[in-house]
């Protein structure tokens, strides 16, 4: 038997092909921070640049304080927008002020545990055992893909480059099919 002969296709190439036929993914960015402004939000600037470079669509950009009411309010608002994917950064640690994970995890209707697991594995390669403090998470809420990463620029870049960007169009297709 030749390699690949008699084997079932993985479905990956079929799904990616169908995803590529869709219009570019629409992405919202939410930076959760008590101190960042549009001028000092390096994560927002980086993500906007990457979204443009990848030819996705920036659907919205917000900075909200790390307050549960504010995080929930922006999540509910963006869940009613045309964004397909909502990227949160910040507020995923274990300090008292870190509440993003708590709000988002209560709202997710479907959880993608693999995102947080793989993110922490990749993060471990960069920061060592401190990666265990990250509560990065992802899932689906009201038909939108929600991804929440730590707020450090290195973490945002790692998540975007290694996990989010390579599967963005596929993710947008999966939640809309």
Protein backbone atom coordinates (compact mmCIF):
# COMPACT_ATOMS: atom_id res chain seq x y z
CA UNK A 1 0.00 0.00 0.00
CA UNK A 2 1.34 3.43 -0.94
CA UNK A 3 1.60 6.13 1.76
CA UNK A 4 -1.77 7.75 2.20
CA UNK A 5 -3.56 5.09 0.20
CA UNK A 6 -6.60 3.70 1.94
CA UNK A 7 -6.43 6.33 4.65
CA UNK A 8 -9.29 8.67 5.36
CA UNK A 9 -8.58 12.37 4.80
CA UNK A 10 -8.05 14.38 7.97
CA UNK A 11 -10.63 16.99 7.06
CA UNK A 12 -8.10 19.73 7.75
CA UNK A 13 -7.40 20.55 4.14
CA UNK A 14 -11.10 20.45 3.23
CA UNK A 15 -11.99 22.77 6.12
CA UNK A 16 -9.16 25.17 5.37
CA UNK A 17 -10.13 25.26 1.70
CA UNK A 18 -13.73 26.12 2.56
CA UNK A 19 -12.55 28.74 5.08
CA UNK A 20 -10.37 30.40 2.44
CA UNK A 21 -13.45 30.87 0.25
CA UNK A 22 -15.09 33.05 2.94
CA UNK A 23 -14.61 36.80 3.16
CA UNK A 24 -11.77 37.79 5.53
CA UNK A 25 -12.45 37.20 9.23
CA UNK A 26 -13.81 40.16 11.19
CA UNK A 27 -11.91 40.66 14.43
CA UNK A 28 -12.51 42.84 17.50
CA UNK A 29 -9.72 43.72 19.91
CA UNK A 30 -10.29 44.42 23.59
CA UNK A 31 -7.39 45.49 25.78
CA UNK A 32 -8.21 45.10 29.46
CA UNK A 33 -6.11 47.54 31.45
CA UNK A 34 -6.44 50.14 34.16
CA UNK A 35 -3.55 52.19 32.75
CA UNK A 36 -3.26 51.79 28.98
CA UNK A 37 -4.55 54.38 26.55
CA UNK A 38 -4.80 54.17 22.75
CA UNK A 39 -1.37 55.84 22.62
CA UNK A 40 0.28 53.43 25.06
CA UNK A 41 -1.55 50.23 24.12
CA UNK A 42 1.29 48.33 22.44
CA UNK A 43 -0.85 45.20 22.22
CA UNK A 44 -3.65 47.01 20.44
CA UNK A 45 -1.17 48.58 18.02
CA UNK A 46 0.50 45.23 17.37
CA UNK A 47 -2.78 43.37 16.82
CA UNK A 48 -4.16 46.08 14.54
CA UNK A 49 -0.99 45.92 12.46
CA UNK A 50 -1.11 42.12 12.27
CA UNK A 51 -4.80 42.07 11.34
CA UNK A 52 -4.16 44.55 8.54
CA UNK A 53 -1.07 42.66 7.33
CA UNK A 54 -3.01 39.37 7.24
CA UNK A 55 -5.83 41.11 5.36
CA UNK A 56 -8.42 40.38 8.01
CA UNK A 57 -10.96 43.05 8.99
CA UNK A 58 -10.71 45.07 12.21
CA UNK A 59 -14.32 45.19 13.37
CA UNK A 60 -13.76 47.07 16.64
CA UNK A 61 -11.11 48.19 19.11
CA UNK A 62 -11.70 49.01 22.78
CA UNK A 63 -9.76 49.53 25.97
CA UNK A 64 -11.68 48.75 29.14
CA UNK A 65 -10.65 48.86 32.80
CA UNK A 66 -10.11 45.57 34.59
CA UNK A 67 -13.55 45.71 36.20
CA UNK A 68 -15.92 42.74 35.82
CA UNK A 69 -18.90 44.95 34.91
CA UNK A 70 -16.92 46.70 32.15
CA UNK A 71 -15.54 43.45 30.73
CA UNK A 72 -18.98 41.83 30.69
CA UNK A 73 -20.53 44.93 29.11
CA UNK A 74 -18.04 45.02 26.23
CA UNK A 75 -18.34 41.26 25.71
CA UNK A 76 -22.13 41.55 25.46
CA UNK A 77 -21.86 44.55 23.13
CA UNK A 78 -19.37 42.88 20.80
CA UNK A 79 -21.41 39.66 20.80
CA UNK A 80 -24.10 41.70 19.03
CA UNK A 81 -21.66 43.17 16.48
CA UNK A 82 -20.49 41.77 13.16
CA UNK A 83 -17.18 40.65 14.66
CA UNK A 84 -16.68 36.91 14.33
CA UNK A 85 -13.69 36.71 16.67
CA UNK A 86 -13.12 38.81 19.79
CA UNK A 87 -9.55 39.00 21.08
CA UNK A 88 -9.16 40.02 24.72
CA UNK A 89 -5.71 40.75 26.13
CA UNK A 90 -4.98 41.43 29.78
CA UNK A 91 -6.49 40.43 33.09
CA UNK A 92 -5.74 36.71 32.89
CA UNK A 93 -3.30 36.44 35.79
CA UNK A 94 -3.98 35.52 39.39
CA UNK A 95 -3.78 38.91 41.12
CA UNK A 96 -6.88 40.46 42.69
CA UNK A 97 -7.22 42.92 39.78
CA UNK A 98 -7.15 40.17 37.12
CA UNK A 99 -10.82 39.50 36.34
CA UNK A 100 -10.99 38.93 32.58
CA UNK A 101 -10.81 35.15 32.87
CA UNK A 102 -13.47 35.08 35.56
CA UNK A 103 -15.97 37.05 33.47
CA UNK A 104 -15.27 35.26 30.21
CA UNK A 105 -15.23 31.75 31.67
CA UNK A 106 -18.71 32.30 33.16
CA UNK A 107 -20.04 33.39 29.76
CA UNK A 108 -18.54 30.79 27.42
CA UNK A 109 -21.10 28.38 25.99
CA UNK A 110 -18.43 26.12 24.50
CA UNK A 111 -14.87 26.02 25.77
CA UNK A 112 -11.80 25.37 23.64
CA UNK A 113 -9.50 24.03 26.37
CA UNK A 114 -6.77 23.29 23.83
CA UNK A 115 -6.08 26.99 23.35
CA UNK A 116 -5.12 27.60 26.98
CA UNK A 117 -3.27 24.31 27.22
CA UNK A 118 -1.16 24.93 24.12
CA UNK A 119 -0.63 28.59 24.99
CA UNK A 120 0.75 27.65 28.42
CA UNK A 121 2.99 25.00 26.85
CA UNK A 122 4.41 27.51 24.37
CA UNK A 123 4.65 30.15 27.10
CA UNK A 124 6.58 27.70 29.29
CA UNK A 125 9.29 27.65 26.61
CA UNK A 126 9.61 31.45 27.02
CA UNK A 127 9.02 32.17 30.71
CA UNK A 128 9.43 28.83 32.42
CA UNK A 129 7.25 27.72 35.31
CA UNK A 130 5.58 31.16 35.57
CA UNK A 131 3.46 30.04 32.59
CA UNK A 132 1.26 28.18 35.09
CA UNK A 133 -0.05 31.54 36.34
CA UNK A 134 -1.70 32.25 32.99
CA UNK A 135 -5.42 31.75 32.68
CA UNK A 136 -5.50 32.18 28.91
CA UNK A 137 -8.74 30.75 27.58
CA UNK A 138 -10.93 30.53 24.49
CA UNK A 139 -14.38 29.41 23.51
CA UNK A 140 -17.65 30.42 21.91
CA UNK A 141 -20.20 32.92 23.18
CA UNK A 142 -23.32 33.81 21.19
CA UNK A 143 -21.80 32.56 17.97
CA UNK A 144 -18.54 34.49 18.42
CA UNK A 145 -15.12 33.00 19.00
CA UNK A 146 -13.64 34.52 22.16
CA UNK A 147 -9.90 34.35 22.81
CA UNK A 148 -8.36 35.75 25.96
CA UNK A 149 -4.61 36.09 26.42
CA UNK A 150 -2.34 37.62 29.02
CA UNK A 151 -1.57 41.30 28.54
CA UNK A 152 2.19 41.14 28.21
CA UNK A 153 3.34 42.05 24.69
CA UNK A 154 5.36 38.84 24.47
CA UNK A 155 2.28 36.78 25.34
CA UNK A 156 0.09 38.59 22.82
CA UNK A 157 2.70 38.11 20.10
CA UNK A 158 3.15 34.44 20.98
CA UNK A 159 -0.58 33.77 20.93
CA UNK A 160 -1.11 35.66 17.66
CA UNK A 161 1.81 34.19 15.77
CA UNK A 162 1.71 30.59 16.95
CA UNK A 163 -1.99 29.95 17.59
CA UNK A 164 -4.42 32.62 16.44
CA UNK A 165 -3.22 33.86 13.04
CA UNK A 166 -2.55 30.40 11.55
CA UNK A 167 -6.13 29.30 12.33
CA UNK A 168 -8.03 32.61 12.21
CA UNK A 169 -9.87 32.07 8.94
CA UNK A 170 -10.61 28.45 9.83
CA UNK A 171 -11.90 29.53 13.25
CA UNK A 172 -14.19 32.15 11.69
CA UNK A 173 -15.51 29.52 9.27
CA UNK A 174 -16.10 26.95 12.03
CA UNK A 175 -18.25 29.26 14.14
CA UNK A 176 -20.37 30.35 11.18
CA UNK A 177 -21.07 27.03 9.50
